[in-house]
Amino acid sequence: MAADIKRAEALGWHAYSGGRPGLYPDQEVYETHLDQFSVDGNNYLLAYPHYKSTDEGTVIKPKPNGAFDTVCTIRRQKLNY
């Protein structure tokens, strides 16, 4: 999977995936889910790990140059009743 990303980047594509600095670097490429959504015409990605036991996700905003800005981290509150 990592070889596929390197090949795509060599062709000028940008890859947003796990295993990258700033976006779940300890996760394998294929173990990070990305869901696209839009707010007021702006596109965002919700990234969250697949196998890691966590209740958090990271919202990122892709940039034209292939980089991204981390908008926020969302944590699900645990029930305590």
Protein backbone atom coordinates (compact mmCIF):
# COMPACT_ATOMS: atom_id res chain seq x y z
CA MET A 1 0.00 0.00 0.00
CA ALA A 2 2.81 2.45 0.83
CA ALA A 3 4.36 1.68 -2.58
CA ASP A 4 1.07 2.71 -4.23
CA ILE A 5 1.19 6.06 -2.46
CA LYS A 6 4.81 6.67 -3.49
CA ARG A 7 3.93 5.85 -7.10
CA ALA A 8 0.90 8.19 -7.03
CA GLU A 9 3.01 11.00 -5.54
CA ALA A 10 5.63 10.49 -8.25
CA LEU A 11 2.82 11.12 -10.77
CA GLY A 12 1.90 14.40 -9.05
CA TRP A 13 -0.95 13.19 -6.81
CA HIS A 14 -1.22 14.02 -3.11
CA ALA A 15 -2.10 11.33 -0.57
CA TYR A 16 -3.82 11.84 2.75
CA SER A 17 -3.43 8.68 4.80
CA GLY A 18 -2.29 7.19 8.04
CA GLY A 19 1.42 6.71 8.52
CA ARG A 20 2.10 10.34 7.56
CA PRO A 21 3.41 13.17 9.75
CA GLY A 22 0.54 14.98 11.42
CA LEU A 23 -2.10 12.38 10.59
CA TYR A 24 -1.90 9.23 12.74
CA PRO A 25 1.79 8.57 12.03
CA ASP A 26 1.71 5.35 14.09
CA GLN A 27 -1.08 3.82 11.95
CA GLU A 28 -0.59 1.87 8.75
CA VAL A 29 -1.66 3.60 5.54
CA TYR A 30 -4.68 1.35 5.04
CA GLU A 31 -5.79 1.53 8.69
CA THR A 32 -6.96 5.14 8.61
CA HIS A 33 -10.42 6.04 7.32
CA LEU A 34 -11.07 9.33 5.58
CA ASP A 35 -14.62 10.66 5.17
CA GLN A 36 -15.18 13.80 3.08
CA PHE A 37 -17.74 16.44 4.06
CA SER A 38 -18.43 20.07 3.17
CA VAL A 39 -19.43 23.08 5.26
CA ASP A 40 -20.34 26.36 3.55
CA GLY A 41 -18.71 25.19 0.32
CA ASN A 42 -15.41 24.22 2.00
CA ASN A 43 -14.23 20.61 1.78
CA TYR A 44 -12.89 18.78 4.83
CA LEU A 45 -11.82 15.26 5.71
CA LEU A 46 -12.60 13.42 8.93
CA ALA A 47 -9.73 11.02 9.61
CA TYR A 48 -9.93 8.28 12.22
CA PRO A 49 -8.00 5.07 12.87
CA HIS A 50 -9.62 1.73 12.09
CA TYR A 51 -7.94 -0.74 14.44
CA LYS A 52 -6.88 1.53 17.26
CA SER A 53 -9.19 1.58 20.24
CA THR A 54 -10.01 5.28 20.30
CA ASP A 55 -12.95 7.62 20.45
CA GLU A 56 -11.34 10.45 18.53
CA GLY A 57 -11.17 11.75 15.00
CA THR A 58 -9.22 14.55 13.35
CA VAL A 59 -10.77 17.08 10.98
CA ILE A 60 -8.35 18.26 8.30
CA LYS A 61 -8.64 20.82 5.51
CA PRO A 62 -6.71 19.84 2.37
CA LYS A 63 -4.61 22.52 0.66
CA PRO A 64 -3.96 22.80 -3.09
CA ASN A 65 -0.25 22.05 -2.60
CA GLY A 66 -1.02 18.65 -1.03
CA ALA A 67 -0.48 19.71 2.57
CA PHE A 68 -3.32 20.04 5.04
CA ASP A 69 -4.30 22.05 8.08
CA THR A 70 -5.54 20.27 11.18
CA VAL A 71 -8.80 22.00 12.06
CA CYS A 72 -9.62 20.17 15.27
CA THR A 73 -9.68 16.85 17.08
CA ILE A 74 -13.05 15.46 18.07
CA ARG A 75 -13.34 13.23 21.12
CA ARG A 76 -16.46 11.26 21.96
CA GLN A 77 -17.51 11.67 25.57
CA LYS A 78 -17.73 8.45 27.53
CA LEU A 79 -20.99 7.75 29.30
CA ASN A 80 -20.70 7.82 33.07
CA TYR A 81 -24.12 6.94 34.38
